[in-house]
Protein backbone atom coordinates (compact mmCIF):
# COMPACT_ATOMS: atom_id res chain seq x y z
CA MET A 1 -41.57 -6.35 -0.10
CA ARG A 2 -41.53 -9.79 1.64
CA LEU A 3 -38.01 -10.51 0.58
CA LYS A 4 -36.78 -7.18 2.03
CA PHE A 5 -38.57 -7.73 5.42
CA GLN A 6 -37.38 -11.26 5.66
CA ALA A 7 -33.72 -10.08 5.10
CA ALA A 8 -34.07 -7.44 7.98
CA GLY A 9 -35.60 -10.00 10.25
CA ILE A 10 -32.93 -12.69 9.85
CA ALA A 11 -30.24 -10.07 10.33
CA VAL A 12 -31.72 -8.78 13.41
CA ALA A 13 -31.94 -12.39 14.71
CA LEU A 14 -28.49 -12.89 13.93
CA ILE A 15 -27.47 -9.80 16.08
CA GLY A 16 -29.24 -11.41 18.95
CA LEU A 17 -27.01 -14.51 18.48
CA LEU A 18 -23.85 -12.55 18.86
CA ALA A 19 -24.34 -12.38 22.68
CA ALA A 20 -25.75 -15.92 22.99
CA CYS A 21 -23.29 -18.10 20.86
CA THR A 22 -19.48 -18.34 20.62
CA PRO A 23 -17.55 -20.79 18.33
CA ALA A 24 -15.86 -22.57 21.48
CA GLY A 25 -18.13 -22.02 24.28
CA MET A 26 -19.03 -18.90 26.29
CA ILE A 27 -16.59 -16.02 27.04
CA VAL A 28 -14.79 -16.62 30.28
CA ASP A 29 -16.17 -14.67 33.09
CA SER A 30 -13.10 -12.76 34.52
CA SER A 31 -14.44 -12.98 38.09
CA THR A 32 -13.41 -16.66 37.99
CA ALA A 33 -9.79 -15.87 36.73
CA ILE A 34 -7.01 -15.30 39.19
CA SER A 35 -5.21 -11.91 38.61
CA PRO A 36 -1.41 -12.32 38.19
CA LYS A 37 1.01 -10.63 40.41
CA SER A 38 2.06 -7.30 39.22
CA GLY A 39 4.85 -7.27 36.57
CA GLU A 40 4.48 -11.09 35.91
CA PHE A 41 1.92 -10.93 33.07
CA VAL A 42 2.34 -9.64 29.61
CA GLY A 43 -0.91 -9.27 27.67
CA GLY A 44 -3.79 -6.98 26.63
CA PRO A 45 -7.62 -7.05 26.38
CA VAL A 46 -9.69 -9.09 23.93
CA ALA A 47 -10.88 -6.89 21.14
CA MET A 48 -14.14 -6.39 19.45
CA ARG A 49 -13.53 -4.24 16.44
CA ARG A 50 -15.39 -3.34 13.36
CA LEU A 51 -13.93 -4.40 10.12
CA THR A 52 -12.18 -1.43 8.49
CA GLN A 53 -13.13 -0.60 4.91
CA ASP A 54 -9.93 -2.15 3.49
CA GLN A 55 -10.58 -5.38 5.47
CA TYR A 56 -14.05 -5.66 4.25
CA ARG A 57 -13.03 -5.17 0.74
CA GLN A 58 -10.09 -7.48 0.94
CA THR A 59 -12.18 -10.36 2.49
CA ILE A 60 -14.88 -10.17 -0.44
CA SER A 61 -12.14 -10.16 -3.01
CA ASP A 62 -10.34 -13.11 -1.34
CA VAL A 63 -13.59 -15.18 -0.65
CA PHE A 64 -15.57 -14.39 -3.82
CA GLY A 65 -13.02 -13.00 -6.33
CA SER A 66 -11.99 -9.55 -7.52
CA THR A 67 -14.78 -9.09 -9.87
CA ILE A 68 -17.51 -8.71 -7.14
CA GLN A 69 -18.66 -5.05 -6.84
CA LEU A 70 -19.58 -3.81 -3.51
CA GLY A 71 -22.63 -1.44 -4.54
CA GLY A 72 -22.69 0.66 -1.39
CA ARG A 73 -20.75 2.95 0.82
CA PHE A 74 -19.09 2.71 4.30
CA GLU A 75 -19.38 4.66 7.47
CA PRO A 76 -16.13 6.52 8.16
CA ASP A 77 -13.29 4.76 10.06
CA ILE A 78 -11.81 6.66 12.98
CA ARG A 79 -8.32 6.91 13.94
CA GLU A 80 -7.15 6.29 17.47
CA GLU A 81 -3.48 6.24 18.66
CA GLY A 82 -2.45 7.04 15.11
CA LEU A 83 -4.28 3.95 13.61
CA MET A 84 -7.70 3.12 12.13
CA ALA A 85 -6.92 -0.44 13.25
CA VAL A 86 -7.12 0.77 16.79
CA GLY A 87 -9.97 3.08 16.30
CA ALA A 88 -11.92 0.12 14.89
CA SER A 89 -12.34 -0.94 18.53
CA TYR A 90 -14.15 2.35 19.23
CA VAL A 91 -16.87 2.32 16.64
CA SER A 92 -20.31 0.67 16.26
CA VAL A 93 -22.90 0.83 13.34
CA THR A 94 -25.44 3.31 12.98
CA ALA A 95 -28.96 2.62 11.60
CA SER A 96 -27.95 4.32 8.21
CA GLY A 97 -24.68 2.42 8.28
CA LEU A 98 -26.55 -0.90 8.85
CA GLU A 99 -28.59 0.07 5.76
CA GLN A 100 -25.66 0.46 3.70
CA TYR A 101 -24.13 -2.87 4.89
CA ASP A 102 -27.51 -4.57 4.04
CA LYS A 103 -27.40 -2.98 0.64
CA MET A 104 -23.90 -4.26 -0.14
CA ALA A 105 -24.76 -7.70 1.21
CA ARG A 106 -27.74 -8.05 -1.11
CA SER A 107 -25.81 -6.74 -4.00
CA ILE A 108 -22.92 -9.04 -3.28
CA GLY A 109 -25.27 -12.21 -2.72
CA SER A 110 -27.02 -11.30 -6.12
CA GLN A 111 -23.74 -11.39 -7.94
CA ILE A 112 -22.47 -14.61 -6.43
CA VAL A 113 -25.52 -16.59 -7.53
CA SER A 114 -25.82 -14.92 -11.02
CA GLU A 115 -25.65 -17.19 -14.08
CA ASP A 116 -22.15 -15.97 -14.86
CA GLN A 117 -20.77 -16.52 -11.35
CA ARG A 118 -22.62 -19.50 -9.79
CA ALA A 119 -20.68 -22.19 -11.61
CA THR A 120 -17.34 -20.79 -10.31
CA LEU A 121 -18.24 -19.61 -6.77
CA LEU A 122 -20.84 -22.30 -5.73
CA PRO A 123 -19.76 -25.93 -4.93
CA CYS A 124 -22.93 -27.56 -5.77
CA VAL A 125 -26.08 -27.43 -8.06
CA PRO A 126 -29.61 -27.83 -6.36
CA ALA A 127 -31.77 -30.86 -7.55
CA SER A 128 -34.22 -28.38 -8.67
CA SER A 129 -33.71 -24.59 -9.37
CA THR A 130 -37.37 -23.89 -8.17
CA GLU A 131 -37.44 -25.90 -5.10
CA PRO A 132 -35.56 -25.84 -1.61
CA ASP A 133 -32.48 -28.15 -1.59
CA GLU A 134 -31.39 -28.14 2.05
CA ASN A 135 -28.27 -30.25 1.46
CA CYS A 136 -26.83 -28.02 -1.38
CA ALA A 137 -27.88 -24.75 0.56
CA ARG A 138 -26.17 -26.03 3.74
CA GLN A 139 -22.91 -26.89 1.84
CA ILE A 140 -22.73 -23.52 0.29
CA LEU A 141 -23.72 -21.43 3.20
CA SER A 142 -21.70 -23.32 5.82
CA GLU A 143 -18.57 -23.02 3.61
CA ILE A 144 -19.15 -19.33 3.03
CA GLY A 145 -19.91 -18.72 6.60
CA ARG A 146 -16.75 -20.33 7.88
CA TYR A 147 -14.71 -17.99 5.89
CA LEU A 148 -16.88 -14.70 6.67
CA PHE A 149 -17.25 -15.60 10.56
CA ARG A 150 -13.68 -16.75 10.57
CA ARG A 151 -14.64 -19.93 12.26
CA PRO A 152 -17.37 -22.78 11.70
CA MET A 153 -20.89 -21.51 12.22
CA THR A 154 -22.78 -22.85 15.27
CA ASP A 155 -25.80 -25.38 14.30
CA LYS A 156 -28.17 -22.45 15.60
CA GLU A 157 -26.66 -19.69 13.38
CA LEU A 158 -26.66 -22.11 10.33
CA ASP A 159 -30.16 -23.45 10.92
CA LEU A 160 -31.66 -19.97 11.19
CA VAL A 161 -30.07 -18.88 7.95
CA LEU A 162 -31.23 -21.94 6.14
CA GLN A 163 -34.75 -21.42 7.46
CA GLY A 164 -34.94 -18.01 5.89
CA THR A 165 -33.53 -19.28 2.54
CA ALA A 166 -35.86 -22.12 2.42
CA GLU A 167 -38.94 -19.84 3.04
CA VAL A 168 -38.04 -17.31 0.26
CA THR A 169 -37.18 -20.26 -2.17
CA GLN A 170 -40.45 -21.74 -1.56
CA GLU A 171 -42.37 -18.55 -1.80
CA LEU A 172 -40.73 -17.33 -4.98
CA GLY A 173 -40.03 -20.54 -6.64
CA ASP A 174 -36.33 -19.80 -7.00
CA PHE A 175 -33.34 -21.57 -5.28
CA TYR A 176 -30.96 -18.87 -6.14
CA THR A 177 -33.00 -15.97 -5.05
CA GLY A 178 -33.44 -17.61 -1.58
CA LEU A 179 -29.65 -18.44 -1.51
CA SER A 180 -28.81 -14.85 -2.29
CA LEU A 181 -30.87 -13.88 0.73
CA GLY A 182 -28.94 -16.48 2.84
CA ILE A 183 -25.59 -15.13 1.69
CA GLY A 184 -26.59 -11.59 1.96
CA ASN A 185 -27.72 -12.33 5.64
CA LEU A 186 -24.19 -13.68 6.58
CA LEU A 187 -22.64 -10.63 5.01
CA ALA A 188 -24.98 -8.24 7.26
CA ALA A 189 -24.38 -10.32 10.41
CA PRO A 190 -22.18 -8.73 13.27
CA GLN A 191 -20.34 -11.97 13.37
CA PHE A 192 -18.86 -10.95 9.86
CA LEU A 193 -18.80 -7.06 10.40
CA PHE A 194 -17.07 -7.22 13.79
CA VAL A 195 -13.95 -9.29 14.62
CA GLN A 196 -15.07 -10.70 17.99
CA GLU A 197 -12.22 -12.26 19.92
CA ILE A 198 -12.97 -14.99 22.48
CA SER A 199 -10.93 -15.71 25.60
CA GLU A 200 -10.52 -18.90 27.34
CA PRO A 201 -8.43 -20.39 30.41
CA ASP A 202 -4.65 -20.93 29.42
CA PRO A 203 -3.77 -24.47 30.60
CA ASN A 204 -0.31 -23.56 30.40
CA HIS A 205 -0.61 -20.52 32.78
CA PRO A 206 -3.11 -21.43 35.28
CA GLY A 207 -5.40 -18.51 36.28
CA GLU A 208 -4.52 -16.67 33.04
CA LEU A 209 -6.21 -16.33 29.75
CA ARG A 210 -5.34 -16.67 26.12
CA LEU A 211 -7.17 -16.22 22.92
CA ASP A 212 -9.17 -19.21 21.50
CA SER A 213 -7.75 -20.68 18.38
CA TYR A 214 -9.94 -19.08 15.97
CA SER A 215 -9.42 -15.74 17.44
CA LYS A 216 -5.67 -16.58 17.00
CA ALA A 217 -6.19 -17.27 13.36
CA ALA A 218 -8.00 -14.08 12.84
CA ARG A 219 -5.18 -12.04 14.37
CA LEU A 220 -2.65 -13.77 12.19
CA SER A 221 -4.64 -13.38 8.95
CA PHE A 222 -5.55 -9.65 9.46
CA LEU A 223 -1.96 -8.83 10.44
CA PHE A 224 -0.20 -10.74 7.40
CA TRP A 225 -3.07 -10.53 4.78
CA ASN A 226 -5.48 -7.95 6.01
CA SER A 227 -8.14 -10.55 5.48
CA THR A 228 -10.10 -13.43 6.76
CA PRO A 229 -8.20 -16.62 7.55
CA ASP A 230 -7.87 -19.16 4.60
CA ASP A 231 -8.58 -22.92 4.52
CA GLN A 232 -5.19 -23.87 5.91
CA LEU A 233 -5.23 -21.38 8.74
CA LEU A 234 -8.77 -22.45 9.71
CA LYS A 235 -7.95 -26.14 9.74
CA ALA A 236 -4.82 -25.33 12.02
CA ALA A 237 -7.18 -23.58 14.36
CA GLN A 238 -9.64 -26.65 14.39
CA ARG A 239 -6.77 -29.10 14.95
CA GLY A 240 -5.44 -27.06 18.00
CA ASP A 241 -2.14 -26.30 16.22
CA LEU A 242 -2.17 -22.74 16.96
CA HIS A 243 -1.90 -23.53 20.77
CA THR A 244 1.55 -24.79 20.25
CA THR A 245 4.73 -22.79 19.28
CA ARG A 246 5.54 -25.12 16.45
CA GLY A 247 2.09 -24.86 15.14
CA VAL A 248 2.04 -20.93 15.17
CA ALA A 249 5.58 -20.89 13.52
CA LYS A 250 4.60 -23.13 10.71
CA GLN A 251 1.56 -20.91 9.93
CA VAL A 252 3.63 -17.65 10.28
CA ASP A 253 6.39 -18.94 7.76
CA ARG A 254 3.66 -19.98 5.41
CA MET A 255 1.86 -16.67 5.50
CA LEU A 256 5.23 -14.63 5.11
CA ALA A 257 6.21 -16.70 2.13
CA SER A 258 2.79 -15.96 0.36
CA ARG A 259 2.45 -13.14 -2.14
CA ARG A 260 -0.69 -12.01 -0.17
CA VAL A 261 1.76 -10.60 2.58
CA GLU A 262 2.00 -7.63 0.17
CA SER A 263 -1.61 -6.80 1.08
CA GLY A 264 -0.78 -6.89 4.73
CA ILE A 265 2.26 -4.52 4.29
CA ARG A 266 0.13 -2.31 2.25
CA ALA A 267 -2.72 -2.10 4.65
CA PHE A 268 -0.38 -1.32 7.61
CA PHE A 269 1.61 1.43 6.14
CA SER A 270 -1.60 2.98 4.50
CA ASP A 271 -3.03 3.07 7.85
CA MET A 272 0.17 4.41 9.63
CA LEU A 273 0.80 7.12 6.98
CA GLY A 274 -2.82 8.12 6.92
CA PHE A 275 -3.44 7.39 3.42
CA ASP A 276 -7.15 7.54 3.86
CA ALA A 277 -6.95 11.32 3.67
CA PHE A 278 -6.34 11.04 0.05
CA ASP A 279 -10.01 10.45 -0.50
CA THR A 280 -10.58 14.08 0.42
CA LEU A 281 -7.29 15.69 -0.84
CA ALA A 282 -7.85 18.82 -2.98
CA LYS A 283 -5.75 21.43 -4.59
CA ASP A 284 -6.32 24.76 -6.06
CA ALA A 285 -6.95 23.81 -9.82
CA THR A 286 -5.96 27.30 -10.98
CA LEU A 287 -2.58 27.40 -9.25
CA TYR A 288 -1.98 23.65 -9.98
CA PRO A 289 -3.64 22.25 -13.04
CA LYS A 290 -1.52 19.21 -13.02
CA PHE A 291 -3.22 17.95 -9.90
CA SER A 292 -5.89 15.39 -10.32
CA ALA A 293 -7.69 12.38 -8.52
CA LYS A 294 -5.47 10.21 -10.75
CA LEU A 295 -2.32 12.08 -9.75
CA ALA A 296 -3.29 11.65 -6.03
CA GLU A 297 -3.88 7.90 -6.66
CA ASP A 298 -0.46 7.68 -8.34
CA ALA A 299 1.12 9.36 -5.36
CA LYS A 300 -0.16 6.86 -2.87
CA GLU A 301 0.77 3.86 -5.11
CA GLN A 302 4.26 5.07 -5.73
CA THR A 303 4.95 4.97 -2.02
CA LEU A 304 3.31 1.75 -1.50
CA ARG A 305 5.26 0.08 -4.48
CA THR A 306 8.35 1.42 -2.92
CA ILE A 307 7.66 0.09 0.40
CA VAL A 308 6.74 -3.34 -0.84
CA GLU A 309 9.72 -3.58 -3.11
CA HIS A 310 12.10 -2.56 -0.25
CA LEU A 311 10.62 -4.35 2.58
CA VAL A 312 9.18 -7.45 0.92
CA GLU A 313 11.03 -8.18 -2.33
CA GLN A 314 14.53 -6.98 -1.04
CA ASP A 315 13.63 -7.75 2.64
CA GLY A 316 15.41 -4.35 3.35
CA ASP A 317 16.15 -2.19 6.47
CA TYR A 318 13.25 -0.05 7.24
CA ARG A 319 15.25 3.01 8.13
CA SER A 320 16.44 3.03 4.38
CA LEU A 321 13.03 4.08 3.32
CA PHE A 322 13.97 7.58 4.28
CA THR A 323 17.12 7.56 2.22
CA THR A 324 16.64 5.33 -0.77
CA GLY A 325 16.89 6.67 -4.24
CA LYS A 326 14.79 3.90 -5.72
CA THR A 327 11.10 4.14 -6.49
CA PHE A 328 8.44 3.68 -9.11
CA LEU A 329 7.15 6.43 -11.31
CA THR A 330 4.40 7.05 -14.02
CA PRO A 331 4.61 9.64 -16.71
CA ARG A 332 2.01 11.76 -14.69
CA LEU A 333 4.15 11.79 -11.58
CA GLY A 334 7.29 12.41 -13.72
CA ALA A 335 5.63 15.51 -15.05
CA VAL A 336 5.08 16.97 -11.58
CA TYR A 337 8.60 15.93 -10.47
CA ARG A 338 10.09 17.18 -13.54
CA LEU A 339 11.75 13.81 -14.29
CA PRO A 340 11.98 11.63 -17.46
CA VAL A 341 9.96 8.56 -17.24
CA ASP A 342 10.61 5.82 -19.71
CA THR A 343 7.68 3.20 -19.79
CA ASP A 344 6.85 0.37 -22.07
CA ASP A 345 4.01 2.32 -23.64
CA ALA A 346 2.59 5.90 -23.77
CA LEU A 347 -0.19 5.47 -21.18
CA LEU A 348 -0.02 7.83 -18.18
CA GLU A 349 -0.87 4.94 -15.86
CA SER A 350 2.17 2.88 -16.75
CA TRP A 351 4.73 2.26 -13.99
CA ALA A 352 8.51 2.06 -14.41
CA PRO A 353 11.30 1.61 -11.84
CA TYR A 354 13.23 4.79 -11.28
CA GLU A 355 16.43 5.56 -9.35
CA TYR A 356 17.46 9.11 -8.41
CA ALA A 357 21.02 10.18 -9.32
CA GLU A 358 23.22 10.26 -6.12
CA ASP A 359 23.35 13.97 -6.13
CA ALA A 360 19.53 14.50 -6.81
CA PRO A 361 17.54 16.73 -4.51
CA GLN A 362 14.98 14.02 -3.96
CA ALA A 363 15.35 10.48 -2.04
CA GLY A 364 13.38 8.61 0.40
CA ILE A 365 9.66 8.42 0.79
CA LEU A 366 9.45 11.89 2.68
CA THR A 367 9.96 13.51 -0.67
CA HIS A 368 7.23 11.55 -2.29
CA ALA A 369 4.03 13.35 -3.13
CA SER A 370 2.22 11.06 -0.81
CA PHE A 371 3.79 12.98 2.12
CA VAL A 372 4.57 16.51 0.77
CA ALA A 373 1.13 16.84 -1.06
CA LEU A 374 -0.76 15.18 1.57
CA HIS A 375 0.37 17.50 4.32
CA SER A 376 -0.12 20.71 2.60
CA PRO A 377 -3.13 23.12 2.12
CA PRO A 378 -4.82 23.48 -1.37
CA GLY A 379 -3.02 26.59 -2.48
CA ARG A 380 0.57 26.57 -0.77
CA SER A 381 3.16 24.55 1.01
CA SER A 382 3.07 24.39 4.81
CA PRO A 383 6.35 23.61 6.74
CA THR A 384 4.28 23.58 9.94
CA ASP A 385 1.87 20.91 8.64
CA ARG A 386 4.57 18.83 7.23
CA GLY A 387 6.68 19.13 10.39
CA LYS A 388 3.68 18.15 12.50
CA ALA A 389 3.11 15.03 10.39
CA LEU A 390 6.79 14.16 10.58
CA ARG A 391 6.56 14.33 14.31
CA GLU A 392 3.27 12.54 14.70
CA VAL A 393 3.18 9.86 11.82
CA ILE A 394 7.03 9.20 11.70
CA LEU A 395 8.08 9.67 15.34
CA CYS A 396 4.90 9.09 17.25
CA GLN A 397 5.28 12.43 18.91
CA LYS A 398 2.15 14.28 19.57
CA VAL A 399 2.13 18.02 18.69
CA PRO A 400 -0.37 20.22 20.54
CA ALA A 401 -3.28 21.91 18.58
CA PRO A 402 -2.76 25.63 18.08
CA PRO A 403 -4.89 28.01 20.37
CA GLY A 404 -8.23 28.88 18.97
CA ASP A 405 -7.43 32.70 18.62
CA VAL A 406 -4.14 32.38 16.62
CA ASN A 407 -4.07 34.59 13.63
CA PHE A 408 -2.51 32.92 10.59
CA THR A 409 -2.85 35.74 8.14
CA LEU A 410 0.95 36.48 8.06
CA VAL A 411 1.79 32.83 7.42
CA GLN A 412 -0.81 32.53 4.70
CA ASP A 413 0.19 35.63 2.81
CA THR A 414 2.35 33.89 0.06
CA GLU A 415 2.66 37.14 -1.89
CA SER A 416 4.00 39.39 0.90
CA PRO A 417 6.62 41.73 -0.54
CA VAL A 418 8.42 41.70 2.79
CA HIS A 419 8.27 37.90 3.93
CA LYS A 420 8.72 36.13 0.57
CA THR A 421 9.52 32.85 1.72
CA ALA A 422 7.79 30.34 4.19
CA ARG A 423 10.66 30.54 6.40
CA ALA A 424 10.56 34.34 6.60
CA ARG A 425 6.77 34.35 7.25
CA LEU A 426 7.15 31.65 10.02
CA ASN A 427 9.84 33.63 11.59
CA ALA A 428 7.61 36.63 11.86
CA HIS A 429 4.61 34.76 13.01
CA ALA A 430 6.49 32.73 15.62
CA THR A 431 7.42 35.77 17.63
CA GLU A 432 3.98 35.56 19.09
CA PRO A 433 4.47 33.81 22.65
CA MET A 434 1.72 31.34 22.08
CA CYS A 435 3.09 30.06 19.02
CA THR A 436 6.77 29.74 19.69
CA GLY A 437 6.78 26.38 21.45
CA CYS A 438 4.97 24.32 18.95
CA HIS A 439 6.81 25.98 15.85
CA LYS A 440 10.20 24.99 17.59
CA ILE A 441 9.34 21.33 17.18
CA THR A 442 7.64 21.47 13.74
CA ASP A 443 9.16 24.20 11.53
CA PRO A 444 12.84 23.17 11.62
CA ILE A 445 12.06 19.75 10.04
CA GLY A 446 9.16 20.94 7.91
CA LEU A 447 11.23 23.64 6.30
CA ALA A 448 13.52 21.12 4.92
CA LEU A 449 10.76 20.16 2.49
CA GLU A 450 10.34 23.51 1.16
CA ASN A 451 11.83 22.67 -2.22
CA PHE A 452 8.55 21.01 -2.94
CA ASP A 453 5.38 22.79 -3.50
CA THR A 454 1.86 21.69 -2.54
CA ILE A 455 1.61 18.93 -5.28
CA ALA A 456 5.42 17.97 -4.73
CA GLY A 457 6.57 19.97 -7.81
CA TYR A 458 10.41 20.95 -7.38
CA ARG A 459 11.44 24.41 -7.00
CA THR A 460 14.60 26.14 -5.45
CA ARG A 461 13.08 29.73 -5.07
CA GLU A 462 9.90 31.21 -3.79
CA ASN A 463 8.99 34.67 -4.95
CA GLY A 464 12.52 34.92 -6.37
CA GLU A 465 14.28 34.40 -2.93
CA LEU A 466 16.43 31.25 -2.50
CA ILE A 467 14.93 28.64 -0.33
CA ASP A 468 16.91 27.83 2.83
CA LEU A 469 16.51 24.24 3.84
CA ALA A 470 18.88 24.21 6.87
CA GLY A 471 17.62 22.86 10.30
CA ASN A 472 17.94 20.05 12.93
CA LEU A 473 16.09 17.12 14.22
CA ASP A 474 16.47 16.84 17.84
CA GLY A 475 20.01 18.17 17.82
CA ILE A 476 21.07 16.44 14.47
CA PRO A 477 21.81 19.23 12.02
CA PHE A 478 21.12 19.15 8.18
CA THR A 479 21.33 21.51 5.21
CA THR A 480 19.58 19.50 2.52
CA VAL A 481 16.61 17.39 2.22
CA ASN A 482 18.85 14.16 1.70
CA GLU A 483 20.56 14.96 4.98
CA LEU A 484 16.85 15.26 6.56
CA GLY A 485 16.19 11.76 5.42
CA GLN A 486 19.53 10.64 6.81
CA ALA A 487 18.54 12.23 10.12
CA PHE A 488 15.20 10.29 10.09
CA HIS A 489 17.28 7.09 9.08
CA ASP A 490 19.34 7.51 12.17
CA SER A 491 16.54 8.49 14.63
CA PRO A 492 15.91 5.89 17.43
CA ALA A 493 12.43 7.54 17.69
CA ALA A 494 11.50 6.64 14.02
CA VAL A 495 12.43 2.91 14.85
CA SER A 496 10.62 2.64 18.01
CA CYS A 497 7.46 4.55 16.59
CA LEU A 498 7.29 1.91 13.89
CA VAL A 499 7.51 -0.97 16.33
CA ASP A 500 4.85 0.64 18.64
CA ARG A 501 2.55 1.14 15.67
CA LEU A 502 2.89 -2.27 14.11
CA PHE A 503 2.30 -3.96 17.61
CA ALA A 504 -0.82 -1.79 18.17
CA TYR A 505 -2.00 -2.54 14.58
CA SER A 506 -1.63 -6.21 15.21
CA VAL A 507 -3.65 -6.56 18.41
CA GLY A 508 -6.16 -3.69 17.80
CA HIS A 509 -5.65 -1.74 20.78
CA LYS A 510 -3.29 0.62 22.58
CA PRO A 511 -0.58 -1.32 24.29
CA THR A 512 -1.05 -1.89 27.98
CA LYS A 513 1.68 -1.04 30.40
CA SER A 514 2.98 -4.64 30.51
CA GLU A 515 2.93 -4.73 26.81
CA LYS A 516 4.84 -1.45 26.45
CA ARG A 517 7.48 -2.92 28.71
CA TRP A 518 7.79 -5.98 26.50
CA ILE A 519 7.89 -3.81 23.33
CA ALA A 520 10.89 -1.87 24.76
CA ASP A 521 12.87 -4.73 26.53
CA THR A 522 12.33 -7.36 23.87
CA LEU A 523 10.52 -6.38 20.66
CA LEU A 524 12.61 -3.37 19.96
CA LYS A 525 15.83 -5.06 20.75
CA GLN A 526 14.78 -8.13 18.41
CA PHE A 527 14.10 -5.63 15.49
CA GLU A 528 17.47 -3.99 16.01
CA ALA A 529 19.28 -7.36 16.16
CA ASN A 530 17.55 -8.58 12.86
CA GLY A 531 18.73 -5.63 10.91
CA TYR A 532 15.60 -3.53 11.16
CA ARG A 533 13.74 -5.82 8.73
CA VAL A 534 9.86 -5.47 8.85
CA THR A 535 9.42 -9.12 7.86
CA SER A 536 11.54 -10.16 10.98
CA LEU A 537 9.36 -7.76 13.16
CA LEU A 538 6.23 -9.23 11.86
CA LYS A 539 7.41 -12.80 12.79
CA SER A 540 8.69 -11.57 16.27
CA ILE A 541 5.28 -10.19 17.03
CA ALA A 542 3.15 -13.16 15.58
CA THR A 543 5.20 -15.83 17.34
CA SER A 544 5.31 -14.28 20.65
CA ASP A 545 3.22 -15.29 23.76
CA THR A 546 2.35 -11.77 23.99
CA PHE A 547 0.38 -11.57 20.82
CA PHE A 548 -2.06 -14.14 21.96
CA ARG A 549 -2.31 -13.70 25.69
CA VAL A 550 -5.04 -11.62 27.11
CA VAL A 551 -5.82 -9.94 30.39
CA PRO A 552 -8.81 -10.84 32.42
CA ALA A 553 -11.49 -7.91 31.91
CA GLU A 554 -14.80 -7.93 33.47
CA ALA A 555 -15.95 -5.80 30.41
CA ASP A 556 -15.39 -8.78 27.93
CA ALA A 557 -19.09 -10.01 27.96
CA PRO A 558 -20.81 -6.84 28.46
CA ALA A 559 -18.84 -5.16 25.46
CA ILE A 560 -20.27 -7.74 23.10
CA ALA A 561 -23.73 -7.23 24.37
CA SER A 562 -23.56 -3.61 24.19
CA ALA A 563 -22.37 -3.74 20.59
CA ALA A 564 -25.12 -5.99 19.69
CA THR A 565 -27.52 -3.51 21.17
CA ASN A 566 -25.90 -0.70 19.09
CA LEU A 567 -26.36 -2.57 15.95
CA GLN A 568 -30.06 -2.75 16.51
């Protein structure tokens, strides 16, 4: 009981330090800053955002190894402006959520100090395993804390954790039990659970603010690797290299060249495409017995492998994701798509590269199960749901929610002897005046995917009627799903949507007015000039002054104090 009480006490004490301690001094009071003239400044607010579930998992894996099990559950992330990375700035931690973080922290701490892990994960051995050893504990905790807090711990933070570690070691006569507590308290601290950006005066632009060097390192690492900064990046921050154009460029080139950039690409597109919805995806098992949790996982992985291969390995044009015939399949996916899949063995989990024939009715990620299955009800397809997702996810165009009193009976009657196809049912349904407006912008593009049922199985007829795919995307006509993919390839909105989303993802907030102007006038044009290559877009963002400059905001300090209060 004493151990549990001590852990909770230290965690609460660390919460109090959040508002009192910063790695490079106190947060700048915006009342001392001179506001720039309108139109002369490009920047956004400093962010304080909770780690997303993926960022937490990736950080634990990178710092302690992939064998560490979390042993707990997360509170749900929320989505703002189409991204959980932005929604993370709007969430706190509830009392029950803090209990889960504490549970995971103690589980992870115990695994790190276990006999089969300590020799690999810990840099020193105590003089006695039954007595406190401050030098060894300090070495271990300061090193771990540096990665978890994404900057060196302050003396006050480290001394507080060391004190609790020594007390438990002394009471229980076990150095590693005390150390486990200390590691657990670092993992439960808000300095780890929240990315806390710090602003400071910008000497190159008097009266303006910039991120401090460790906040810059965190922005870079989460953008490129979806994880905490590594040793080289932290050392660059400590030296002040990230305050120079050359220093930032050197780190950006290094991070882009690392295999870990695949984690960053996967994280961004998983967020943008809403792949968190796979956690709750369900289908009617009677109608679609091939669907399973394994198939859902394969569907997500197929798209992510395709994206990584095309954008990272081949450094290809983003727009070609909507038209490419190259992908990866498992036998399980092949059974749904009705395609032969040759793998090195007979395992359903085996992956093999696959290229559709030129005249195949499937091409591009919009025909993947990750899209058509994710945006369909359990027992039928839905052109409206798919069209809405195409507008909102791919084009960043908001579709209004339907009125609360709309009757969907006609649309949902898939056995209607009169309206045999989804197009016929929607045409009849859309005659209602309250429905016409929204259906005009969703259904013409969603109907182009009607060759795919709710789990992405291919079909040409519904209830014996030939399926008609013809439609148009904002005036661009198409008659096949491949032509739909080409229409998205050629759509300026699809390109600008990606640029907007990636920038918002990188900074963790909705772009300000000045940032929106910069995105439209500079970033989008650079993306086009560089052949629509996402790696070049990442570099353009990360090496720009806009990425690191922040606007003066009186809410900076109160926001941190408020978050600390919510955690308690």
